[in-house]
């Protein structure tokens, strides 16, 4: 498939996933990545409640990244770099890998821009496997400074922070006098 055909398919897929009546039940998580030089990459993670998509690459749901920017963030699906990833029904225990590509070192930002079609609000985290840390995007942007490089299996979108437990939250509210 040549780049023009791929680009046309990407535009059509994006229109289908974001605008048609048929896909209104797809739950969407929209995030933005701001590069050290100020460029913004929009990424979309969709959930199909009827499991018509899965965690692998699904033609008709996932959209390949056809750009070649010096600094970029993409979904990593079966070694394919994507700007749209659609998976099965929402599962708060799953993590979705991101690929970070930096040629201009500096500070980058990842933020949650919108949640769509969820019955109740969900928590969205950036998990940094190198730091073993979770940043809740619902409350603040994720900011990090990096050197030049490609970073696979370091950053993930997650929906639970296993380091927070009910016991931890309750014990913080208890005071002894």
N, C-alpha and C. Protein backbone atom coordinates (compact mmCIF):
# COMPACT_ATOMS: atom_id res chain seq x y z
N UNK A 1 0.85 -1.16 0.00
CA UNK A 1 0.00 0.00 0.00
C UNK A 1 0.91 1.23 0.00
N UNK A 2 0.64 2.17 -0.93
CA UNK A 2 1.49 3.37 -0.97
C UNK A 2 1.02 4.40 0.04
N UNK A 3 1.83 5.44 0.22
CA UNK A 3 1.54 6.44 1.26
C UNK A 3 0.25 7.21 0.98
N UNK A 4 -0.05 7.49 -0.29
CA UNK A 4 -1.28 8.24 -0.62
C UNK A 4 -2.50 7.41 -0.26
N UNK A 5 -2.49 6.13 -0.63
CA UNK A 5 -3.61 5.25 -0.29
C UNK A 5 -3.75 5.13 1.23
N UNK A 6 -2.63 4.97 1.93
CA UNK A 6 -2.66 4.89 3.38
C UNK A 6 -3.21 6.16 4.01
N UNK A 7 -2.82 7.31 3.48
CA UNK A 7 -3.31 8.58 4.00
C UNK A 7 -4.81 8.70 3.81
N UNK A 8 -5.30 8.33 2.63
CA UNK A 8 -6.75 8.38 2.36
C UNK A 8 -7.48 7.46 3.32
N UNK A 9 -6.96 6.24 3.52
CA UNK A 9 -7.59 5.32 4.47
C UNK A 9 -7.59 5.87 5.88
N UNK A 10 -6.50 6.51 6.27
CA UNK A 10 -6.42 7.09 7.61
C UNK A 10 -7.48 8.17 7.79
N UNK A 11 -7.64 9.04 6.81
CA UNK A 11 -8.65 10.11 6.89
C UNK A 11 -10.05 9.52 6.96
N UNK A 12 -10.33 8.53 6.12
CA UNK A 12 -11.64 7.88 6.14
C UNK A 12 -11.89 7.19 7.47
N UNK A 13 -10.89 6.48 7.98
CA UNK A 13 -11.04 5.80 9.27
C UNK A 13 -11.27 6.79 10.40
N UNK A 14 -10.53 7.89 10.37
CA UNK A 14 -10.71 8.89 11.41
C UNK A 14 -12.12 9.45 11.38
N UNK A 15 -12.64 9.71 10.17
CA UNK A 15 -14.02 10.21 10.04
C UNK A 15 -15.01 9.17 10.56
N UNK A 16 -14.79 7.91 10.22
CA UNK A 16 -15.70 6.86 10.70
C UNK A 16 -15.68 6.74 12.22
N UNK A 17 -14.50 6.75 12.80
CA UNK A 17 -14.39 6.56 14.24
C UNK A 17 -14.90 7.77 15.00
N UNK A 18 -14.81 8.96 14.44
CA UNK A 18 -15.17 10.14 15.21
C UNK A 18 -16.54 10.71 14.89
N UNK A 19 -17.14 10.40 13.73
CA UNK A 19 -18.33 11.15 13.34
C UNK A 19 -19.58 10.36 12.99
N UNK A 20 -19.52 9.11 12.65
CA UNK A 20 -20.70 8.45 12.13
C UNK A 20 -21.61 7.93 13.22
N UNK A 21 -22.88 7.79 12.89
CA UNK A 21 -23.87 7.27 13.83
C UNK A 21 -23.52 5.84 14.22
N UNK A 22 -23.00 5.05 13.28
CA UNK A 22 -22.67 3.65 13.53
C UNK A 22 -21.67 3.50 14.68
N UNK A 23 -20.81 4.46 14.84
CA UNK A 23 -19.75 4.32 15.84
C UNK A 23 -19.99 5.17 17.09
N UNK A 24 -21.21 5.64 17.30
CA UNK A 24 -21.48 6.47 18.47
C UNK A 24 -21.30 5.73 19.78
N UNK A 25 -21.38 4.40 19.75
CA UNK A 25 -21.20 3.65 21.00
C UNK A 25 -19.72 3.42 21.32
N UNK A 26 -18.81 3.81 20.44
CA UNK A 26 -17.39 3.66 20.72
C UNK A 26 -16.99 4.66 21.79
N UNK A 27 -16.38 4.17 22.84
CA UNK A 27 -15.87 5.04 23.90
C UNK A 27 -14.49 5.52 23.48
N UNK A 28 -14.22 6.81 23.70
CA UNK A 28 -12.98 7.40 23.21
C UNK A 28 -12.22 8.11 24.33
N UNK A 29 -10.90 7.94 24.29
CA UNK A 29 -9.98 8.67 25.14
C UNK A 29 -9.07 9.45 24.20
N UNK A 30 -9.11 10.77 24.32
CA UNK A 30 -8.28 11.62 23.45
C UNK A 30 -7.16 12.23 24.28
N UNK A 31 -5.94 12.07 23.78
CA UNK A 31 -4.79 12.67 24.46
C UNK A 31 -3.99 13.48 23.45
N UNK A 32 -3.28 14.46 23.96
CA UNK A 32 -2.38 15.28 23.15
C UNK A 32 -0.96 15.13 23.68
N UNK A 33 -0.03 15.12 22.75
CA UNK A 33 1.40 15.08 23.07
C UNK A 33 2.01 16.36 22.52
N UNK A 34 2.65 17.14 23.40
CA UNK A 34 3.34 18.35 22.97
C UNK A 34 4.84 18.09 23.02
N UNK A 35 5.48 18.28 21.87
CA UNK A 35 6.91 18.03 21.74
C UNK A 35 7.71 19.13 22.41
N UNK A 36 9.02 18.91 22.61
CA UNK A 36 9.86 19.96 23.18
C UNK A 36 9.85 21.25 22.35
N UNK A 37 9.57 21.13 21.04
CA UNK A 37 9.55 22.32 20.18
C UNK A 37 8.15 22.92 20.02
N UNK A 38 7.14 22.34 20.69
CA UNK A 38 5.80 22.93 20.69
C UNK A 38 4.80 22.32 19.73
N UNK A 39 5.22 21.36 18.90
CA UNK A 39 4.29 20.67 18.01
C UNK A 39 3.35 19.81 18.84
N UNK A 40 2.07 19.70 18.40
CA UNK A 40 1.09 18.88 19.13
C UNK A 40 0.62 17.73 18.26
N UNK A 41 0.73 16.52 18.79
CA UNK A 41 0.23 15.30 18.14
C UNK A 41 -1.03 14.88 18.88
N UNK A 42 -2.13 14.70 18.15
CA UNK A 42 -3.38 14.21 18.73
C UNK A 42 -3.41 12.69 18.59
N UNK A 43 -3.76 12.00 19.67
CA UNK A 43 -3.89 10.55 19.66
C UNK A 43 -5.27 10.16 20.18
N UNK A 44 -5.80 9.07 19.64
CA UNK A 44 -7.13 8.59 20.02
C UNK A 44 -7.04 7.11 20.38
N UNK A 45 -7.63 6.76 21.53
CA UNK A 45 -7.78 5.37 21.94
C UNK A 45 -9.28 5.10 22.04
N UNK A 46 -9.77 4.14 21.25
CA UNK A 46 -11.20 3.83 21.23
C UNK A 46 -11.47 2.44 21.78
N UNK A 47 -12.64 2.29 22.39
CA UNK A 47 -13.08 1.01 22.94
C UNK A 47 -14.39 0.62 22.27
N UNK A 48 -14.44 -0.58 21.68
CA UNK A 48 -15.66 -1.07 21.05
C UNK A 48 -16.37 -1.99 22.03
N UNK A 49 -17.50 -1.57 22.59
CA UNK A 49 -18.20 -2.38 23.59
C UNK A 49 -18.59 -3.78 23.08
N UNK A 50 -18.76 -3.92 21.75
CA UNK A 50 -19.14 -5.22 21.19
C UNK A 50 -17.91 -6.05 20.78
N UNK A 51 -16.71 -5.58 21.16
CA UNK A 51 -15.45 -6.28 20.88
C UNK A 51 -15.20 -6.54 19.40
N UNK A 52 -15.64 -5.62 18.54
CA UNK A 52 -15.37 -5.77 17.11
C UNK A 52 -13.91 -5.47 16.78
N UNK A 53 -13.21 -4.80 17.68
CA UNK A 53 -11.77 -4.59 17.53
C UNK A 53 -11.07 -5.35 18.65
N UNK A 54 -9.76 -5.53 18.51
CA UNK A 54 -9.00 -6.20 19.57
C UNK A 54 -7.68 -5.47 19.79
N UNK A 55 -6.81 -6.02 20.63
CA UNK A 55 -5.56 -5.36 20.97
C UNK A 55 -4.53 -5.40 19.84
N UNK A 56 -4.75 -6.24 18.82
CA UNK A 56 -3.87 -6.28 17.67
C UNK A 56 -4.26 -5.20 16.67
N UNK A 57 -3.55 -5.14 15.53
CA UNK A 57 -3.86 -4.15 14.51
C UNK A 57 -5.14 -4.57 13.79
N UNK A 58 -6.14 -3.69 13.78
CA UNK A 58 -7.44 -3.96 13.15
C UNK A 58 -7.66 -2.99 12.00
N UNK A 59 -7.63 -3.48 10.76
CA UNK A 59 -7.94 -2.64 9.61
C UNK A 59 -9.37 -2.15 9.78
N UNK A 60 -9.58 -0.88 9.55
CA UNK A 60 -10.91 -0.30 9.70
C UNK A 60 -11.10 0.37 11.04
N UNK A 61 -10.22 0.10 11.99
CA UNK A 61 -10.31 0.73 13.31
C UNK A 61 -9.03 1.49 13.67
N UNK A 62 -7.88 0.90 13.41
CA UNK A 62 -6.61 1.52 13.77
C UNK A 62 -6.07 2.32 12.58
N UNK A 63 -5.39 3.42 12.87
CA UNK A 63 -4.83 4.27 11.81
C UNK A 63 -3.34 4.41 12.00
N UNK A 64 -2.60 4.01 10.95
CA UNK A 64 -1.13 4.10 10.99
C UNK A 64 -0.69 5.55 10.96
N UNK A 65 0.44 5.80 11.60
CA UNK A 65 1.06 7.12 11.53
C UNK A 65 1.91 7.16 10.27
N UNK A 66 1.58 8.06 9.36
CA UNK A 66 2.30 8.17 8.10
C UNK A 66 3.30 9.32 8.11
N UNK A 67 3.30 10.08 9.20
CA UNK A 67 4.20 11.22 9.30
C UNK A 67 5.58 10.77 9.75
N UNK A 68 6.56 11.60 9.44
CA UNK A 68 7.93 11.33 9.87
C UNK A 68 8.44 12.59 10.57
N UNK A 69 7.93 12.84 11.76
CA UNK A 69 8.32 14.03 12.51
C UNK A 69 9.54 13.71 13.37
N UNK A 70 10.38 14.71 13.63
CA UNK A 70 11.58 14.46 14.44
C UNK A 70 11.25 14.09 15.89
N UNK A 71 10.13 14.60 16.40
CA UNK A 71 9.67 14.28 17.75
C UNK A 71 8.22 13.83 17.64
N UNK A 72 7.91 12.65 18.18
CA UNK A 72 6.55 12.14 18.00
C UNK A 72 6.22 11.12 19.09
N UNK A 73 4.92 10.87 19.24
CA UNK A 73 4.41 9.86 20.16
C UNK A 73 3.34 9.08 19.40
N UNK A 74 3.39 7.76 19.46
CA UNK A 74 2.46 6.90 18.73
C UNK A 74 2.03 5.74 19.60
N UNK A 75 0.88 5.16 19.26
CA UNK A 75 0.50 3.87 19.82
C UNK A 75 1.39 2.83 19.16
N UNK A 76 1.79 1.81 19.88
CA UNK A 76 2.55 0.69 19.31
C UNK A 76 1.64 -0.53 19.27
N UNK A 77 1.26 -0.92 18.06
CA UNK A 77 0.36 -2.06 17.87
C UNK A 77 1.06 -3.05 16.94
N UNK A 78 1.45 -4.19 17.45
CA UNK A 78 2.12 -5.21 16.62
C UNK A 78 3.26 -4.60 15.81
N UNK A 79 4.09 -3.77 16.42
CA UNK A 79 5.22 -3.10 15.76
C UNK A 79 4.79 -2.09 14.70
N UNK A 80 3.52 -1.69 14.69
CA UNK A 80 3.02 -0.67 13.78
C UNK A 80 2.81 0.60 14.60
N UNK A 81 3.26 1.73 14.06
CA UNK A 81 3.10 3.02 14.74
C UNK A 81 1.76 3.60 14.30
N UNK A 82 0.88 3.91 15.28
CA UNK A 82 -0.47 4.36 14.96
C UNK A 82 -0.83 5.64 15.71
N UNK A 83 -1.73 6.43 15.11
CA UNK A 83 -2.26 7.62 15.77
C UNK A 83 -3.66 7.35 16.33
N UNK A 84 -4.30 6.29 15.84
CA UNK A 84 -5.58 5.84 16.38
C UNK A 84 -5.45 4.36 16.69
N UNK A 85 -5.83 4.00 17.92
CA UNK A 85 -5.89 2.60 18.29
C UNK A 85 -7.28 2.32 18.83
N UNK A 86 -7.92 1.30 18.28
CA UNK A 86 -9.22 0.89 18.77
C UNK A 86 -9.09 -0.55 19.25
N UNK A 87 -9.64 -0.83 20.41
CA UNK A 87 -9.55 -2.15 21.02
C UNK A 87 -10.95 -2.61 21.39
N UNK A 88 -11.06 -3.74 22.05
CA UNK A 88 -12.35 -4.25 22.48
C UNK A 88 -12.97 -3.42 23.59
N UNK A 89 -13.84 -4.03 24.34
CA UNK A 89 -14.55 -3.34 25.42
C UNK A 89 -13.55 -2.79 26.45
N UNK A 90 -13.92 -1.69 27.08
CA UNK A 90 -13.07 -1.05 28.08
C UNK A 90 -12.75 -2.04 29.20
N UNK A 91 -11.48 -2.12 29.54
CA UNK A 91 -11.01 -2.99 30.62
C UNK A 91 -9.99 -2.17 31.42
N UNK A 92 -10.35 -1.80 32.63
CA UNK A 92 -9.51 -0.91 33.42
C UNK A 92 -8.18 -1.55 33.84
N UNK A 93 -8.03 -2.85 33.64
CA UNK A 93 -6.78 -3.50 34.05
C UNK A 93 -5.71 -3.48 32.95
N UNK A 94 -6.07 -3.08 31.75
CA UNK A 94 -5.12 -3.10 30.63
C UNK A 94 -4.29 -1.82 30.56
N UNK A 95 -3.10 -1.95 29.98
CA UNK A 95 -2.22 -0.82 29.69
C UNK A 95 -1.92 -0.85 28.20
N UNK A 96 -1.83 0.33 27.59
CA UNK A 96 -1.59 0.44 26.16
C UNK A 96 -0.27 1.15 25.91
N UNK A 97 0.68 0.49 25.22
CA UNK A 97 2.03 1.04 25.05
C UNK A 97 2.09 2.19 24.06
N UNK A 98 2.96 3.13 24.38
CA UNK A 98 3.24 4.28 23.53
C UNK A 98 4.70 4.23 23.11
N UNK A 99 4.98 4.69 21.91
CA UNK A 99 6.36 4.83 21.45
C UNK A 99 6.71 6.30 21.38
N UNK A 100 7.76 6.71 22.06
CA UNK A 100 8.21 8.11 22.08
C UNK A 100 9.49 8.21 21.26
N UNK A 101 9.53 9.19 20.35
CA UNK A 101 10.67 9.38 19.45
C UNK A 101 11.10 10.84 19.56
N UNK A 102 12.32 11.05 20.04
CA UNK A 102 12.81 12.41 20.30
C UNK A 102 14.16 12.62 19.60
N UNK A 103 14.24 13.67 18.78
CA UNK A 103 15.53 14.09 18.21
C UNK A 103 15.92 15.48 18.73
N UNK A 104 14.96 16.18 19.33
CA UNK A 104 15.21 17.48 19.94
C UNK A 104 14.97 17.34 21.44
N UNK A 105 16.03 17.15 22.22
CA UNK A 105 15.84 16.91 23.66
C UNK A 105 15.18 18.10 24.34
N UNK A 106 14.47 17.79 25.40
CA UNK A 106 13.80 18.84 26.17
C UNK A 106 12.59 18.28 26.88
N UNK A 107 11.72 19.19 27.28
CA UNK A 107 10.52 18.82 28.04
C UNK A 107 9.36 18.57 27.09
N UNK A 108 8.67 17.46 27.30
CA UNK A 108 7.46 17.16 26.54
C UNK A 108 6.30 17.01 27.52
N UNK A 109 5.08 17.11 27.00
CA UNK A 109 3.87 17.04 27.81
C UNK A 109 2.87 16.09 27.17
N UNK A 110 2.18 15.31 28.00
CA UNK A 110 1.06 14.48 27.55
C UNK A 110 -0.13 14.88 28.41
N UNK A 111 -1.25 15.19 27.75
CA UNK A 111 -2.43 15.56 28.52
C UNK A 111 -3.70 14.91 27.97
N UNK A 112 -4.66 14.72 28.84
CA UNK A 112 -5.96 14.18 28.50
C UNK A 112 -6.81 15.34 28.00
N UNK A 113 -7.35 15.22 26.79
CA UNK A 113 -8.17 16.32 26.26
C UNK A 113 -9.67 16.04 26.36
N UNK A 114 -10.05 14.74 26.27
CA UNK A 114 -11.48 14.46 26.33
C UNK A 114 -11.75 12.97 26.53
N UNK A 115 -12.83 12.69 27.24
CA UNK A 115 -13.39 11.35 27.37
C UNK A 115 -14.77 11.39 26.74
N UNK A 116 -15.08 10.41 25.89
CA UNK A 116 -16.37 10.41 25.20
C UNK A 116 -17.09 9.08 25.37
N UNK A 117 -18.39 9.15 25.61
CA UNK A 117 -19.30 8.01 25.64
C UNK A 117 -19.08 7.04 26.80
N UNK A 118 -18.49 7.49 27.88
CA UNK A 118 -18.37 6.67 29.08
C UNK A 118 -19.55 7.01 29.99
N UNK A 119 -20.19 6.00 30.56
CA UNK A 119 -21.33 6.22 31.46
C UNK A 119 -20.92 6.96 32.72
N UNK A 120 -19.71 6.67 33.19
CA UNK A 120 -19.18 7.38 34.34
C UNK A 120 -17.73 7.74 34.02
N UNK A 121 -17.23 8.76 34.70
CA UNK A 121 -15.86 9.19 34.44
C UNK A 121 -14.87 8.10 34.83
N UNK A 122 -13.87 7.93 34.01
CA UNK A 122 -12.82 6.95 34.29
C UNK A 122 -11.53 7.70 34.61
N UNK A 123 -10.64 7.02 35.31
CA UNK A 123 -9.32 7.58 35.57
C UNK A 123 -8.39 7.19 34.42
N UNK A 124 -7.56 8.14 33.99
CA UNK A 124 -6.59 7.88 32.93
C UNK A 124 -5.21 8.28 33.46
N UNK A 125 -4.27 7.36 33.35
CA UNK A 125 -2.92 7.57 33.87
C UNK A 125 -1.89 7.40 32.77
N UNK A 126 -0.76 8.10 32.92
CA UNK A 126 0.45 7.75 32.19
C UNK A 126 1.28 6.93 33.16
N UNK A 127 1.64 5.73 32.74
CA UNK A 127 2.53 4.89 33.54
C UNK A 127 3.92 4.98 32.92
N UNK A 128 4.89 5.38 33.72
CA UNK A 128 6.29 5.44 33.32
C UNK A 128 6.97 4.23 33.93
N UNK A 129 7.25 3.21 33.11
CA UNK A 129 7.81 1.97 33.65
C UNK A 129 9.24 2.15 34.14
N UNK A 130 9.97 3.12 33.61
CA UNK A 130 11.34 3.38 34.05
C UNK A 130 11.34 3.93 35.48
N UNK A 131 10.43 4.86 35.75
CA UNK A 131 10.32 5.47 37.08
C UNK A 131 9.35 4.71 37.98
N UNK A 132 8.62 3.75 37.40
CA UNK A 132 7.56 3.03 38.10
C UNK A 132 6.60 4.01 38.78
N UNK A 133 6.13 4.98 37.97
CA UNK A 133 5.26 6.02 38.51
C UNK A 133 4.02 6.18 37.64
N UNK A 134 2.95 6.63 38.28
CA UNK A 134 1.68 6.88 37.61
C UNK A 134 1.34 8.36 37.77
N UNK A 135 0.92 8.99 36.68
CA UNK A 135 0.43 10.37 36.72
C UNK A 135 -1.01 10.36 36.25
N UNK A 136 -1.91 10.84 37.09
CA UNK A 136 -3.34 10.85 36.75
C UNK A 136 -3.61 12.05 35.85
N UNK A 137 -3.89 11.76 34.58
CA UNK A 137 -4.09 12.82 33.60
C UNK A 137 -5.38 13.60 33.82
N UNK A 138 -6.33 13.01 34.55
CA UNK A 138 -7.57 13.73 34.86
C UNK A 138 -7.29 14.94 35.74
N UNK A 139 -6.19 14.90 36.49
CA UNK A 139 -5.88 15.96 37.44
C UNK A 139 -4.74 16.86 37.01
N UNK A 140 -3.77 16.33 36.25
CA UNK A 140 -2.64 17.15 35.81
C UNK A 140 -2.00 16.53 34.59
N UNK A 141 -1.31 17.37 33.84
CA UNK A 141 -0.58 16.90 32.66
C UNK A 141 0.65 16.13 33.11
N UNK A 142 1.08 15.21 32.26
CA UNK A 142 2.33 14.50 32.49
C UNK A 142 3.43 15.29 31.78
N UNK A 143 4.46 15.65 32.51
CA UNK A 143 5.58 16.40 31.95
C UNK A 143 6.87 15.67 32.28
N UNK A 144 7.75 15.57 31.29
CA UNK A 144 9.02 14.92 31.52
C UNK A 144 10.06 15.54 30.60
N UNK A 145 11.30 15.47 31.02
CA UNK A 145 12.41 15.95 30.20
C UNK A 145 13.19 14.74 29.75
N UNK A 146 13.56 14.74 28.47
CA UNK A 146 14.24 13.57 27.93
C UNK A 146 15.38 13.95 27.00
N UNK A 147 16.27 13.02 26.82
CA UNK A 147 17.35 13.14 25.85
C UNK A 147 16.88 12.58 24.52
N UNK A 148 17.74 12.64 23.53
CA UNK A 148 17.46 12.07 22.22
C UNK A 148 17.32 10.55 22.34
N UNK A 149 16.37 9.99 21.62
CA UNK A 149 16.25 8.54 21.62
C UNK A 149 14.86 8.05 21.25
N UNK A 150 14.75 6.74 21.15
CA UNK A 150 13.47 6.06 20.94
C UNK A 150 13.15 5.31 22.22
N UNK A 151 11.95 5.50 22.72
CA UNK A 151 11.55 4.91 23.98
C UNK A 151 10.33 4.02 23.77
N UNK A 152 10.57 2.71 23.73
CA UNK A 152 9.50 1.72 23.61
C UNK A 152 9.37 1.05 24.98
N UNK A 153 8.18 0.64 25.31
CA UNK A 153 7.91 -0.06 26.57
C UNK A 153 8.31 0.75 27.80
N UNK A 154 8.30 2.07 27.67
CA UNK A 154 8.51 2.91 28.84
C UNK A 154 7.20 3.59 29.25
N UNK A 155 6.48 4.17 28.31
CA UNK A 155 5.25 4.91 28.62
C UNK A 155 4.03 4.12 28.16
N UNK A 156 3.01 4.15 29.01
CA UNK A 156 1.77 3.43 28.74
C UNK A 156 0.59 4.29 29.19
N UNK A 157 -0.55 4.12 28.53
CA UNK A 157 -1.80 4.65 29.05
C UNK A 157 -2.40 3.54 29.91
N UNK A 158 -2.78 3.88 31.12
CA UNK A 158 -3.35 2.92 32.07
C UNK A 158 -4.60 3.54 32.69
N UNK A 159 -5.39 2.72 33.34
CA UNK A 159 -6.66 3.17 33.91
C UNK A 159 -6.77 2.87 35.40
N UNK A 160 -5.72 2.28 35.96
CA UNK A 160 -5.65 2.01 37.40
C UNK A 160 -4.24 2.28 37.85
N UNK A 161 -4.13 2.74 39.08
CA UNK A 161 -2.82 2.90 39.71
C UNK A 161 -2.75 1.88 40.82
N UNK A 162 -2.05 0.77 40.59
CA UNK A 162 -2.03 -0.29 41.61
C UNK A 162 -1.35 0.11 42.91
N UNK A 163 -0.61 1.21 42.89
CA UNK A 163 0.04 1.63 44.13
C UNK A 163 -0.95 2.35 45.06
N UNK A 164 -2.12 2.72 44.55
CA UNK A 164 -3.17 3.31 45.40
C UNK A 164 -4.17 2.24 45.76
N UNK A 165 -4.36 2.00 47.02
CA UNK A 165 -5.35 1.03 47.46
C UNK A 165 -6.33 1.71 48.40
N UNK A 166 -7.47 1.10 48.60
CA UNK A 166 -8.47 1.64 49.52
C UNK A 166 -7.88 1.78 50.91
N UNK A 167 -7.09 0.83 51.32
CA UNK A 167 -6.47 0.87 52.65
C UNK A 167 -5.57 2.12 52.78
N UNK A 168 -4.79 2.42 51.74
CA UNK A 168 -3.92 3.60 51.77
C UNK A 168 -4.73 4.88 51.91
N UNK A 169 -5.82 4.97 51.16
CA UNK A 169 -6.64 6.19 51.17
C UNK A 169 -7.31 6.35 52.53
N UNK A 170 -7.86 5.29 53.06
CA UNK A 170 -8.53 5.36 54.36
C UNK A 170 -7.54 5.73 55.46
N UNK A 171 -6.36 5.13 55.45
CA UNK A 171 -5.40 5.40 56.52
C UNK A 171 -4.90 6.83 56.50
N UNK A 172 -4.95 7.49 55.37
CA UNK A 172 -4.49 8.89 55.30
C UNK A 172 -5.47 9.82 56.01
N UNK A 173 -6.74 9.41 56.11
CA UNK A 173 -7.75 10.26 56.73
C UNK A 173 -7.88 10.04 58.23
N UNK A 174 -7.17 9.10 58.79
CA UNK A 174 -7.28 8.78 60.21
C UNK A 174 -6.24 9.58 60.98
N UNK A 175 -6.69 10.18 62.05
CA UNK A 175 -5.74 10.87 62.91
C UNK A 175 -5.93 10.34 64.35
N UNK A 176 -4.83 10.22 65.05
CA UNK A 176 -4.86 9.71 66.42
C UNK A 176 -4.49 10.86 67.35
N UNK A 177 -5.32 11.04 68.40
CA UNK A 177 -5.06 12.12 69.35
C UNK A 177 -4.84 11.54 70.72
